[in-house]
Amino acid sequence: QAFPLEDMEHVSNKDDVKTSLRKVVKETSHEMMMQCMSRVVSHPLHVISMRCMVQFVGREVKYSGVFSAIGRIFKEEGILGFFVGLVPHILGDVIFLWCCNLLAHFINTYAVDDNFSQASVIRSYTKFVMGIAVSMLTYPFLLVGDLMAVNNCGLRAGLPPYAPAFTSWIHCWRYLSAQGQLFRGSSLLFRRAPVPAACFPID
């Protein structure tokens, strides 16, 4: 009788929110570790696939298959050649996971009213909608990672005049940012006109 029923329910709700948030953080941390591991393991195949597709630009046949590509990349660039562009891809994956899961949690907890008849249906789609929105924000990381995978690898599409020779993914990011092309290719309907490169030095 020392604590009114309303106060007890309020404290209980706060504890439920804290417990739920702690569960989301724990699950997201585990998901992040698994995503990073799978990205590291699969990234060499991603690099090979990107180069096999990009060589179509110059009508080249430098990479004729998976095994020949593995041998050529190892011979020319060593082990590190299989992991070019890995860092921005991992950063994009990590930011996507945390933003998507936390935003979905807070929206389902604070924005969706339990008294609403369709609350459970809305909550089931929240994470999906947040994934679409957050993927648009993390798109530059994927773009930079893909450009670094083919940059300065001997293919015409990765060399001037098609693309500058970047020294790092940060150099690539800064160049695209100066050109206003960090979101190029992100739209299925519209195409961004590139700004003249002479206006922006890449160094």
N, C-alpha and C. Protein backbone atom coordinates (compact mmCIF):
# COMPACT_ATOMS: atom_id res chain seq x y z
N GLN A 1 0.80 -1.20 0.00
CA GLN A 1 0.00 0.00 0.00
C GLN A 1 0.84 1.26 0.00
N ALA A 2 2.15 1.14 0.20
CA ALA A 2 3.03 2.31 0.23
C ALA A 2 3.16 2.91 -1.15
N PHE A 3 3.01 2.11 -2.22
CA PHE A 3 3.14 2.58 -3.59
C PHE A 3 1.82 2.41 -4.33
N PRO A 4 1.30 3.50 -4.89
CA PRO A 4 0.05 3.39 -5.66
C PRO A 4 0.23 2.45 -6.85
N LEU A 5 -0.87 1.88 -7.30
CA LEU A 5 -0.85 0.93 -8.41
C LEU A 5 -0.33 1.58 -9.69
N GLU A 6 -0.71 2.85 -9.92
CA GLU A 6 -0.26 3.53 -11.13
C GLU A 6 1.25 3.69 -11.15
N ASP A 7 1.84 4.03 -9.95
CA ASP A 7 3.29 4.17 -9.88
C ASP A 7 3.97 2.83 -10.12
N MET A 8 3.42 1.75 -9.61
CA MET A 8 4.01 0.43 -9.81
C MET A 8 3.98 0.04 -11.29
N GLU A 9 2.87 0.34 -11.97
CA GLU A 9 2.78 0.04 -13.40
C GLU A 9 3.75 0.88 -14.19
N HIS A 10 3.94 2.16 -13.75
CA HIS A 10 4.88 3.04 -14.46
C HIS A 10 6.31 2.50 -14.34
N VAL A 11 6.67 2.08 -13.12
CA VAL A 11 8.01 1.52 -12.92
C VAL A 11 8.16 0.23 -13.72
N SER A 12 7.10 -0.59 -13.72
CA SER A 12 7.15 -1.84 -14.47
C SER A 12 7.35 -1.58 -15.95
N ASN A 13 6.65 -0.59 -16.51
CA ASN A 13 6.79 -0.25 -17.92
C ASN A 13 8.20 0.21 -18.23
N LYS A 14 8.79 1.02 -17.34
CA LYS A 14 10.17 1.47 -17.55
C LYS A 14 11.13 0.29 -17.56
N ASP A 15 10.92 -0.65 -16.63
CA ASP A 15 11.78 -1.84 -16.59
C ASP A 15 11.63 -2.66 -17.86
N ASP A 16 10.40 -2.76 -18.38
CA ASP A 16 10.17 -3.51 -19.60
C ASP A 16 10.89 -2.85 -20.78
N VAL A 17 10.84 -1.51 -20.83
CA VAL A 17 11.52 -0.80 -21.91
C VAL A 17 13.03 -1.00 -21.82
N LYS A 18 13.57 -0.92 -20.61
CA LYS A 18 15.01 -1.11 -20.43
C LYS A 18 15.41 -2.54 -20.81
N THR A 19 14.61 -3.49 -20.38
CA THR A 19 14.90 -4.89 -20.71
C THR A 19 14.82 -5.12 -22.22
N SER A 20 13.81 -4.53 -22.83
CA SER A 20 13.65 -4.68 -24.28
C SER A 20 14.81 -4.04 -25.03
N LEU A 21 15.23 -2.83 -24.60
CA LEU A 21 16.35 -2.16 -25.25
C LEU A 21 17.64 -2.96 -25.07
N ARG A 22 17.83 -3.51 -23.87
CA ARG A 22 19.02 -4.33 -23.62
C ARG A 22 19.03 -5.57 -24.52
N LYS A 23 17.86 -6.13 -24.75
CA LYS A 23 17.75 -7.29 -25.63
C LYS A 23 18.07 -6.91 -27.07
N VAL A 24 17.58 -5.74 -27.51
CA VAL A 24 17.86 -5.27 -28.87
C VAL A 24 19.36 -5.04 -29.05
N VAL A 25 20.01 -4.42 -28.07
CA VAL A 25 21.45 -4.17 -28.15
C VAL A 25 22.22 -5.47 -28.21
N LYS A 26 21.82 -6.45 -27.39
CA LYS A 26 22.50 -7.74 -27.38
C LYS A 26 22.34 -8.46 -28.71
N GLU A 27 21.11 -8.48 -29.23
CA GLU A 27 20.87 -9.16 -30.51
C GLU A 27 21.58 -8.45 -31.67
N THR A 28 21.60 -7.12 -31.62
CA THR A 28 22.27 -6.37 -32.69
C THR A 28 23.77 -6.59 -32.64
N SER A 29 24.34 -6.66 -31.44
CA SER A 29 25.78 -6.92 -31.32
C SER A 29 26.14 -8.28 -31.90
N HIS A 30 25.33 -9.27 -31.58
CA HIS A 30 25.56 -10.61 -32.12
C HIS A 30 25.40 -10.62 -33.64
N GLU A 31 24.37 -9.95 -34.12
CA GLU A 31 24.13 -9.87 -35.57
C GLU A 31 25.27 -9.13 -36.27
N MET A 32 25.80 -8.10 -35.61
CA MET A 32 26.91 -7.34 -36.18
C MET A 32 28.16 -8.20 -36.32
N MET A 33 28.46 -8.99 -35.31
CA MET A 33 29.62 -9.87 -35.37
C MET A 33 29.48 -10.89 -36.50
N MET A 34 28.30 -11.47 -36.62
CA MET A 34 28.08 -12.45 -37.68
C MET A 34 28.16 -11.80 -39.06
N GLN A 35 27.62 -10.59 -39.18
CA GLN A 35 27.65 -9.88 -40.46
C GLN A 35 29.08 -9.53 -40.85
N CYS A 36 29.88 -9.08 -39.89
CA CYS A 36 31.28 -8.73 -40.18
C CYS A 36 32.07 -9.96 -40.60
N MET A 37 31.85 -11.07 -39.92
CA MET A 37 32.54 -12.31 -40.27
C MET A 37 32.15 -12.78 -41.66
N SER A 38 30.88 -12.75 -41.97
CA SER A 38 30.43 -13.19 -43.29
C SER A 38 30.93 -12.25 -44.38
N ARG A 39 31.02 -10.94 -44.07
CA ARG A 39 31.54 -9.99 -45.05
C ARG A 39 33.01 -10.25 -45.34
N VAL A 40 33.80 -10.52 -44.31
CA VAL A 40 35.23 -10.80 -44.50
C VAL A 40 35.41 -12.06 -45.34
N VAL A 41 34.63 -13.09 -45.05
CA VAL A 41 34.77 -14.37 -45.76
C VAL A 41 34.35 -14.24 -47.22
N SER A 42 33.27 -13.50 -47.47
CA SER A 42 32.73 -13.43 -48.83
C SER A 42 33.30 -12.29 -49.67
N HIS A 43 34.05 -11.37 -49.04
CA HIS A 43 34.52 -10.20 -49.79
C HIS A 43 35.44 -10.55 -50.96
N PRO A 44 36.35 -11.52 -50.84
CA PRO A 44 37.17 -11.87 -52.02
C PRO A 44 36.33 -12.25 -53.24
N LEU A 45 35.24 -12.96 -53.04
CA LEU A 45 34.36 -13.31 -54.16
C LEU A 45 33.65 -12.07 -54.70
N HIS A 46 33.36 -11.14 -53.81
CA HIS A 46 32.74 -9.88 -54.25
C HIS A 46 33.69 -9.09 -55.13
N VAL A 47 34.96 -9.05 -54.73
CA VAL A 47 35.97 -8.34 -55.53
C VAL A 47 36.09 -8.97 -56.91
N ILE A 48 36.13 -10.29 -56.95
CA ILE A 48 36.24 -10.99 -58.23
C ILE A 48 35.03 -10.72 -59.11
N SER A 49 33.84 -10.78 -58.52
CA SER A 49 32.63 -10.55 -59.31
C SER A 49 32.57 -9.13 -59.83
N MET A 50 32.98 -8.16 -59.02
CA MET A 50 32.99 -6.77 -59.47
C MET A 50 33.94 -6.58 -60.65
N ARG A 51 35.11 -7.17 -60.57
CA ARG A 51 36.09 -6.99 -61.65
C ARG A 51 35.67 -7.72 -62.92
N CYS A 52 35.04 -8.86 -62.77
CA CYS A 52 34.55 -9.58 -63.94
C CYS A 52 33.45 -8.79 -64.66
N MET A 53 32.64 -8.08 -63.90
CA MET A 53 31.60 -7.26 -64.51
C MET A 53 32.16 -5.98 -65.11
N VAL A 54 33.08 -5.35 -64.38
CA VAL A 54 33.62 -4.05 -64.82
C VAL A 54 34.48 -4.18 -66.07
N GLN A 55 35.11 -5.33 -66.27
CA GLN A 55 35.96 -5.46 -67.44
C GLN A 55 35.16 -5.42 -68.74
N PHE A 56 33.84 -5.52 -68.63
CA PHE A 56 32.98 -5.40 -69.80
C PHE A 56 33.06 -3.99 -70.39
N VAL A 57 33.37 -2.97 -69.54
CA VAL A 57 33.44 -1.59 -70.02
C VAL A 57 34.49 -1.44 -71.10
N GLY A 58 35.66 -2.03 -70.88
CA GLY A 58 36.75 -1.93 -71.85
C GLY A 58 36.86 -3.12 -72.77
N ARG A 59 35.85 -3.99 -72.76
CA ARG A 59 35.86 -5.21 -73.59
C ARG A 59 37.13 -6.02 -73.34
N GLU A 60 37.48 -6.18 -72.07
CA GLU A 60 38.70 -6.90 -71.69
C GLU A 60 38.35 -8.31 -71.22
N VAL A 61 39.37 -9.16 -71.19
CA VAL A 61 39.19 -10.54 -70.73
C VAL A 61 40.30 -10.89 -69.74
N LYS A 62 40.59 -9.96 -68.87
CA LYS A 62 41.65 -10.18 -67.89
C LYS A 62 41.26 -11.26 -66.89
N TYR A 63 40.01 -11.27 -66.49
CA TYR A 63 39.51 -12.26 -65.54
C TYR A 63 38.50 -13.14 -66.26
N SER A 64 38.90 -14.36 -66.54
CA SER A 64 38.04 -15.26 -67.32
C SER A 64 37.27 -16.25 -66.46
N GLY A 65 37.58 -16.33 -65.19
CA GLY A 65 36.89 -17.25 -64.30
C GLY A 65 37.32 -17.05 -62.87
N VAL A 66 36.69 -17.76 -61.96
CA VAL A 66 36.97 -17.57 -60.55
C VAL A 66 38.41 -17.97 -60.21
N PHE A 67 38.83 -19.15 -60.66
CA PHE A 67 40.15 -19.64 -60.28
C PHE A 67 41.27 -18.86 -60.95
N SER A 68 41.05 -18.48 -62.22
CA SER A 68 42.07 -17.66 -62.89
C SER A 68 42.14 -16.28 -62.26
N ALA A 69 41.00 -15.75 -61.81
CA ALA A 69 40.99 -14.45 -61.14
C ALA A 69 41.71 -14.52 -59.81
N ILE A 70 41.52 -15.61 -59.08
CA ILE A 70 42.21 -15.77 -57.80
C ILE A 70 43.71 -15.78 -58.01
N GLY A 71 44.17 -16.55 -59.00
CA GLY A 71 45.60 -16.60 -59.27
C GLY A 71 46.17 -15.27 -59.72
N ARG A 72 45.45 -14.55 -60.57
CA ARG A 72 45.95 -13.28 -61.08
C ARG A 72 46.00 -12.21 -59.98
N ILE A 73 44.93 -12.15 -59.18
CA ILE A 73 44.91 -11.15 -58.10
C ILE A 73 46.01 -11.43 -57.09
N PHE A 74 46.19 -12.71 -56.73
CA PHE A 74 47.24 -13.05 -55.77
C PHE A 74 48.63 -12.73 -56.33
N LYS A 75 48.83 -12.96 -57.61
CA LYS A 75 50.13 -12.70 -58.23
C LYS A 75 50.43 -11.21 -58.33
N GLU A 76 49.42 -10.40 -58.66
CA GLU A 76 49.64 -8.98 -58.88
C GLU A 76 49.53 -8.14 -57.61
N GLU A 77 48.64 -8.52 -56.68
CA GLU A 77 48.38 -7.67 -55.53
C GLU A 77 48.59 -8.36 -54.18
N GLY A 78 48.79 -9.66 -54.19
CA GLY A 78 48.96 -10.37 -52.94
C GLY A 78 47.63 -10.62 -52.23
N ILE A 79 47.71 -11.03 -50.96
CA ILE A 79 46.51 -11.33 -50.19
C ILE A 79 45.62 -10.10 -50.04
N LEU A 80 46.23 -8.94 -49.85
CA LEU A 80 45.46 -7.72 -49.64
C LEU A 80 44.59 -7.36 -50.84
N GLY A 81 44.95 -7.86 -52.01
CA GLY A 81 44.16 -7.58 -53.20
C GLY A 81 42.75 -8.13 -53.13
N PHE A 82 42.55 -9.17 -52.30
CA PHE A 82 41.22 -9.75 -52.15
C PHE A 82 40.34 -8.97 -51.19
N PHE A 83 40.94 -8.01 -50.48
CA PHE A 83 40.18 -7.30 -49.45
C PHE A 83 40.15 -5.79 -49.67
N VAL A 84 40.41 -5.34 -50.89
CA VAL A 84 40.29 -3.92 -51.18
C VAL A 84 38.81 -3.52 -51.12
N GLY A 85 38.54 -2.40 -50.47
CA GLY A 85 37.16 -1.95 -50.31
C GLY A 85 36.41 -2.62 -49.18
N LEU A 86 37.11 -3.42 -48.36
CA LEU A 86 36.43 -4.13 -47.28
C LEU A 86 35.97 -3.19 -46.17
N VAL A 87 36.81 -2.22 -45.81
CA VAL A 87 36.50 -1.33 -44.67
C VAL A 87 35.20 -0.55 -44.87
N PRO A 88 35.02 0.15 -45.99
CA PRO A 88 33.73 0.87 -46.15
C PRO A 88 32.53 -0.06 -46.19
N HIS A 89 32.68 -1.26 -46.72
CA HIS A 89 31.57 -2.21 -46.71
C HIS A 89 31.20 -2.60 -45.29
N ILE A 90 32.19 -2.87 -44.46
CA ILE A 90 31.92 -3.25 -43.07
C ILE A 90 31.31 -2.09 -42.31
N LEU A 91 31.84 -0.88 -42.51
CA LEU A 91 31.28 0.30 -41.84
C LEU A 91 29.82 0.50 -42.24
N GLY A 92 29.54 0.34 -43.52
CA GLY A 92 28.16 0.46 -43.98
C GLY A 92 27.24 -0.58 -43.36
N ASP A 93 27.73 -1.82 -43.26
CA ASP A 93 26.92 -2.88 -42.66
C ASP A 93 26.65 -2.60 -41.18
N VAL A 94 27.69 -2.16 -40.45
CA VAL A 94 27.54 -1.90 -39.02
C VAL A 94 26.58 -0.74 -38.77
N ILE A 95 26.75 0.35 -39.49
CA ILE A 95 25.87 1.51 -39.33
C ILE A 95 24.43 1.13 -39.69
N PHE A 96 24.27 0.35 -40.76
CA PHE A 96 22.93 -0.07 -41.18
C PHE A 96 22.26 -0.89 -40.09
N LEU A 97 22.96 -1.86 -39.52
CA LEU A 97 22.37 -2.72 -38.52
C LEU A 97 21.92 -1.95 -37.28
N TRP A 98 22.82 -1.12 -36.75
CA TRP A 98 22.51 -0.40 -35.52
C TRP A 98 21.40 0.62 -35.73
N CYS A 99 21.48 1.38 -36.80
CA CYS A 99 20.44 2.39 -37.07
C CYS A 99 19.09 1.74 -37.31
N CYS A 100 19.07 0.71 -38.11
CA CYS A 100 17.82 0.03 -38.45
C CYS A 100 17.16 -0.59 -37.22
N ASN A 101 17.94 -1.33 -36.43
CA ASN A 101 17.38 -2.01 -35.27
C ASN A 101 16.95 -1.05 -34.16
N LEU A 102 17.78 -0.03 -33.90
CA LEU A 102 17.44 0.92 -32.84
C LEU A 102 16.25 1.80 -33.23
N LEU A 103 16.23 2.26 -34.47
CA LEU A 103 15.10 3.08 -34.91
C LEU A 103 13.80 2.29 -34.87
N ALA A 104 13.85 1.04 -35.33
CA ALA A 104 12.65 0.20 -35.30
C ALA A 104 12.19 -0.03 -33.86
N HIS A 105 13.15 -0.23 -32.96
CA HIS A 105 12.79 -0.45 -31.55
C HIS A 105 12.12 0.78 -30.94
N PHE A 106 12.71 1.96 -31.15
CA PHE A 106 12.16 3.18 -30.55
C PHE A 106 10.80 3.54 -31.16
N ILE A 107 10.66 3.32 -32.45
CA ILE A 107 9.37 3.60 -33.08
C ILE A 107 8.29 2.65 -32.55
N ASN A 108 8.62 1.36 -32.47
CA ASN A 108 7.64 0.40 -31.97
C ASN A 108 7.30 0.64 -30.50
N THR A 109 8.28 1.17 -29.74
CA THR A 109 8.07 1.37 -28.31
C THR A 109 7.33 2.66 -27.99
N TYR A 110 7.72 3.74 -28.65
CA TYR A 110 7.21 5.05 -28.27
C TYR A 110 6.20 5.64 -29.27
N ALA A 111 6.27 5.26 -30.53
CA ALA A 111 5.41 5.89 -31.53
C ALA A 111 4.14 5.09 -31.82
N VAL A 112 4.21 3.79 -31.68
CA VAL A 112 3.05 2.95 -31.98
C VAL A 112 2.26 2.71 -30.70
N ASP A 113 1.01 3.12 -30.71
CA ASP A 113 0.15 3.00 -29.53
C ASP A 113 -0.42 1.58 -29.43
N ASP A 114 -0.31 1.00 -28.23
CA ASP A 114 -0.82 -0.36 -28.03
C ASP A 114 -2.33 -0.44 -28.17
N ASN A 115 -3.02 0.69 -27.96
CA ASN A 115 -4.48 0.70 -28.05
C ASN A 115 -4.97 0.66 -29.50
N PHE A 116 -4.04 0.90 -30.43
CA PHE A 116 -4.42 0.87 -31.84
C PHE A 116 -4.63 -0.57 -32.29
N SER A 117 -5.70 -0.83 -33.00
CA SER A 117 -6.07 -2.20 -33.36
C SER A 117 -5.05 -2.86 -34.28
N GLN A 118 -4.38 -2.06 -35.12
CA GLN A 118 -3.41 -2.61 -36.07
C GLN A 118 -1.97 -2.43 -35.61
N ALA A 119 -1.76 -2.26 -34.29
CA ALA A 119 -0.41 -1.99 -33.77
C ALA A 119 0.56 -3.12 -34.10
N SER A 120 0.11 -4.37 -33.95
CA SER A 120 1.01 -5.51 -34.22
C SER A 120 1.39 -5.58 -35.68
N VAL A 121 0.46 -5.23 -36.56
CA VAL A 121 0.76 -5.24 -38.00
C VAL A 121 1.77 -4.16 -38.35
N ILE A 122 1.59 -2.98 -37.78
CA ILE A 122 2.52 -1.88 -38.04
C ILE A 122 3.91 -2.24 -37.54
N ARG A 123 3.99 -2.83 -36.36
CA ARG A 123 5.30 -3.20 -35.79
C ARG A 123 6.01 -4.24 -36.65
N SER A 124 5.24 -5.10 -37.29
CA SER A 124 5.85 -6.14 -38.12
C SER A 124 6.53 -5.56 -39.37
N TYR A 125 6.08 -4.38 -39.80
CA TYR A 125 6.65 -3.76 -40.99
C TYR A 125 7.64 -2.64 -40.68
N THR A 126 7.77 -2.27 -39.41
CA THR A 126 8.63 -1.13 -39.05
C THR A 126 10.08 -1.37 -39.43
N LYS A 127 10.59 -2.53 -39.11
CA LYS A 127 11.99 -2.81 -39.40
C LYS A 127 12.25 -2.85 -40.89
N PHE A 128 11.29 -3.36 -41.65
CA PHE A 128 11.45 -3.40 -43.11
C PHE A 128 11.52 -1.99 -43.69
N VAL A 129 10.62 -1.11 -43.23
CA VAL A 129 10.61 0.28 -43.72
C VAL A 129 11.88 1.00 -43.29
N MET A 130 12.31 0.79 -42.05
CA MET A 130 13.54 1.42 -41.57
C MET A 130 14.74 0.93 -42.36
N GLY A 131 14.71 -0.33 -42.77
CA GLY A 131 15.82 -0.87 -43.57
C GLY A 131 15.95 -0.16 -44.90
N ILE A 132 14.81 0.14 -45.52
CA ILE A 132 14.84 0.87 -46.80
C ILE A 132 15.38 2.28 -46.60
N ALA A 133 14.92 2.95 -45.54
CA ALA A 133 15.35 4.33 -45.29
C ALA A 133 16.83 4.39 -44.94
N VAL A 134 17.29 3.50 -44.08
CA VAL A 134 18.69 3.53 -43.64
C VAL A 134 19.62 3.11 -44.77
N SER A 135 19.17 2.21 -45.62
CA SER A 135 20.02 1.77 -46.74
C SER A 135 20.34 2.92 -47.69
N MET A 136 19.43 3.88 -47.79
CA MET A 136 19.70 5.06 -48.61
C MET A 136 20.81 5.91 -47.99
N LEU A 137 20.87 5.96 -46.67
CA LEU A 137 21.89 6.75 -45.99
C LEU A 137 23.26 6.08 -46.02
N THR A 138 23.27 4.75 -45.99
CA THR A 138 24.55 4.02 -45.99
C THR A 138 25.01 3.66 -47.39
N TYR A 139 24.27 4.06 -48.41
CA TYR A 139 24.65 3.74 -49.80
C TYR A 139 26.05 4.22 -50.17
N PRO A 140 26.49 5.43 -49.73
CA PRO A 140 27.84 5.87 -50.10
C PRO A 140 28.94 4.89 -49.68
N PHE A 141 28.77 4.21 -48.56
CA PHE A 141 29.77 3.23 -48.13
C PHE A 141 29.86 2.07 -49.13
N LEU A 142 28.72 1.61 -49.61
CA LEU A 142 28.72 0.53 -50.59
C LEU A 142 29.32 0.99 -51.91
N LEU A 143 29.01 2.21 -52.31
CA LEU A 143 29.55 2.75 -53.55
C LEU A 143 31.07 2.87 -53.49
N VAL A 144 31.58 3.43 -52.40
CA VAL A 144 33.02 3.58 -52.24
C VAL A 144 33.71 2.23 -52.20
N GLY A 145 33.11 1.27 -51.49
CA GLY A 145 33.70 -0.07 -51.43
C GLY A 145 33.78 -0.74 -52.79
N ASP A 146 32.73 -0.59 -53.60
CA ASP A 146 32.73 -1.18 -54.94
C ASP A 146 33.74 -0.49 -55.85
N LEU A 147 33.86 0.83 -55.74
CA LEU A 147 34.82 1.55 -56.57
C LEU A 147 36.26 1.16 -56.19
N MET A 148 36.51 0.99 -54.91
CA MET A 148 37.85 0.60 -54.49
C MET A 148 38.18 -0.83 -54.92
N ALA A 149 37.17 -1.68 -55.07
CA ALA A 149 37.40 -3.06 -55.48
C ALA A 149 37.96 -3.16 -56.89
N VAL A 150 37.65 -2.16 -57.72
CA VAL A 150 38.10 -2.19 -59.12
C VAL A 150 39.12 -1.09 -59.42
N ASN A 151 39.41 -0.24 -58.45
CA ASN A 151 40.28 0.90 -58.68
C ASN A 151 41.73 0.48 -58.87
N ASN A 152 42.33 0.98 -59.94
CA ASN A 152 43.76 0.77 -60.20
C ASN A 152 44.14 -0.72 -60.20
N CYS A 153 43.26 -1.55 -60.77
CA CYS A 153 43.52 -2.99 -60.80
C CYS A 153 44.00 -3.46 -62.18
N GLY A 154 44.19 -2.52 -63.09
CA GLY A 154 44.65 -2.87 -64.43
C GLY A 154 43.54 -2.84 -65.46
N LEU A 155 42.30 -2.72 -65.03
CA LEU A 155 41.18 -2.62 -65.96
C LEU A 155 40.95 -1.15 -66.33
N ARG A 156 40.49 -0.93 -67.53
CA ARG A 156 40.30 0.44 -68.02
C ARG A 156 39.29 1.21 -67.17
N ALA A 157 38.25 0.54 -66.72
CA ALA A 157 37.22 1.22 -65.93
C ALA A 157 37.74 1.69 -64.58
N GLY A 158 38.85 1.14 -64.13
CA GLY A 158 39.42 1.54 -62.85
C GLY A 158 40.62 2.44 -62.97
N LEU A 159 40.88 2.95 -64.17
CA LEU A 159 42.04 3.81 -64.42
C LEU A 159 41.57 5.09 -65.11
N PRO A 160 42.38 6.16 -65.04
CA PRO A 160 42.04 7.38 -65.80
C PRO A 160 41.95 7.05 -67.29
N PRO A 161 41.07 7.69 -68.04
CA PRO A 161 40.21 8.80 -67.65
C PRO A 161 38.86 8.38 -67.08
N TYR A 162 38.62 7.05 -66.97
CA TYR A 162 37.33 6.61 -66.43
C TYR A 162 37.21 6.89 -64.93
N ALA A 163 38.30 6.74 -64.20
CA ALA A 163 38.29 6.97 -62.76
C ALA A 163 39.70 7.32 -62.30
N PRO A 164 39.82 8.21 -61.32
CA PRO A 164 41.14 8.51 -60.77
C PRO A 164 41.71 7.31 -60.03
N ALA A 165 43.01 7.30 -59.84
CA ALA A 165 43.66 6.25 -59.06
C ALA A 165 43.65 6.70 -57.60
N PHE A 166 42.80 6.12 -56.80
CA PHE A 166 42.67 6.52 -55.40
C PHE A 166 43.73 5.82 -54.55
N THR A 167 44.21 6.53 -53.54
CA THR A 167 45.21 5.96 -52.63
C THR A 167 44.57 5.23 -51.45
N SER A 168 43.33 5.58 -51.14
CA SER A 168 42.61 4.93 -50.05
C SER A 168 41.12 5.16 -50.24
N TRP A 169 40.31 4.47 -49.45
CA TRP A 169 38.86 4.65 -49.57
C TRP A 169 38.44 6.03 -49.08
N ILE A 170 39.21 6.61 -48.15
CA ILE A 170 38.90 7.97 -47.69
C ILE A 170 39.15 8.96 -48.82
N HIS A 171 40.22 8.74 -49.58
CA HIS A 171 40.51 9.57 -50.76
C HIS A 171 39.37 9.47 -51.76
N CYS A 172 38.87 8.27 -51.97
CA CYS A 172 37.74 8.05 -52.88
C CYS A 172 36.49 8.75 -52.37
N TRP A 173 36.23 8.66 -51.08
CA TRP A 173 35.06 9.29 -50.48
C TRP A 173 35.12 10.81 -50.67
N ARG A 174 36.28 11.39 -50.40
CA ARG A 174 36.42 12.84 -50.52
C ARG A 174 36.25 13.29 -51.97
N TYR A 175 36.77 12.51 -52.88
CA TYR A 175 36.63 12.86 -54.29
C TYR A 175 35.17 12.82 -54.73
N LEU A 176 34.47 11.76 -54.37
CA LEU A 176 33.06 11.66 -54.73
C LEU A 176 32.23 12.75 -54.06
N SER A 177 32.58 13.07 -52.81
CA SER A 177 31.87 14.13 -52.11
C SER A 177 32.06 15.48 -52.80
N ALA A 178 33.30 15.77 -53.23
CA ALA A 178 33.58 17.02 -53.92
C ALA A 178 32.85 17.08 -55.26
N GLN A 179 32.71 15.93 -55.90
CA GLN A 179 32.02 15.86 -57.18
C GLN A 179 30.49 15.81 -57.03
N GLY A 180 30.02 15.64 -55.80
CA GLY A 180 28.59 15.49 -55.60
C GLY A 180 28.05 14.17 -56.11
N GLN A 181 28.86 13.10 -56.05
CA GLN A 181 28.48 11.81 -56.61
C GLN A 181 28.44 10.68 -55.58
N LEU A 182 28.33 11.04 -54.30
CA LEU A 182 28.28 10.00 -53.28
C LEU A 182 27.03 9.12 -53.39
N PHE A 183 25.99 9.63 -54.04
CA PHE A 183 24.76 8.86 -54.18
C PHE A 183 24.48 8.48 -55.63
N ARG A 184 25.50 8.50 -56.46
CA ARG A 184 25.28 8.15 -57.86
C ARG A 184 24.93 6.67 -57.97
N GLY A 185 23.96 6.40 -58.79
CA GLY A 185 23.50 5.03 -58.96
C GLY A 185 22.52 4.56 -57.91
N SER A 186 22.17 5.44 -56.95
CA SER A 186 21.25 5.02 -55.89
C SER A 186 19.79 5.06 -56.32
N SER A 187 19.49 5.78 -57.38
CA SER A 187 18.12 5.91 -57.84
C SER A 187 17.88 5.04 -59.07
N LEU A 188 16.72 4.38 -59.09
CA LEU A 188 16.37 3.55 -60.23
C LEU A 188 15.75 4.38 -61.36
N LEU A 189 15.29 5.59 -61.05
CA LEU A 189 14.56 6.38 -62.03
C LEU A 189 15.33 7.60 -62.53
N PHE A 190 16.22 8.14 -61.70
CA PHE A 190 16.90 9.37 -62.07
C PHE A 190 18.40 9.17 -62.09
N ARG A 191 19.08 9.96 -62.91
CA ARG A 191 20.52 9.88 -63.02
C ARG A 191 21.12 11.24 -62.71
N ARG A 192 22.16 11.26 -61.89
CA ARG A 192 22.81 12.50 -61.51
C ARG A 192 23.86 12.89 -62.54
N ALA A 193 23.80 14.12 -63.00
CA ALA A 193 24.78 14.60 -63.96
C ALA A 193 26.09 14.91 -63.24
N PRO A 194 27.22 14.35 -63.69
CA PRO A 194 28.49 14.59 -63.00
C PRO A 194 28.95 16.03 -63.18
N VAL A 195 29.57 16.55 -62.11
CA VAL A 195 30.15 17.88 -62.16
C VAL A 195 31.50 17.80 -62.84
N PRO A 196 31.89 18.78 -63.67
CA PRO A 196 33.19 18.75 -64.34
C PRO A 196 34.33 18.54 -63.34
N ALA A 197 35.18 17.54 -63.66
CA ALA A 197 36.24 17.16 -62.72
C ALA A 197 37.27 18.26 -62.56
N ALA A 198 37.41 19.14 -63.52
CA ALA A 198 38.44 20.17 -63.44
C ALA A 198 38.19 21.13 -62.29
N CYS A 199 36.96 21.19 -61.79
CA CYS A 199 36.63 22.13 -60.74
C CYS A 199 37.08 21.64 -59.37
N PHE A 200 37.38 20.33 -59.25
CA PHE A 200 37.69 19.77 -57.96
C PHE A 200 38.98 18.93 -58.05
N PRO A 201 40.06 19.38 -57.45
CA PRO A 201 41.27 18.55 -57.42
C PRO A 201 41.06 17.35 -56.51
N ILE A 202 41.65 16.23 -56.86
CA ILE A 202 41.44 15.00 -56.09
C ILE A 202 42.51 14.80 -55.03
N ASP A 203 43.54 15.61 -55.01
CA ASP A 203 44.58 15.44 -54.02
C ASP A 203 44.17 16.08 -52.69
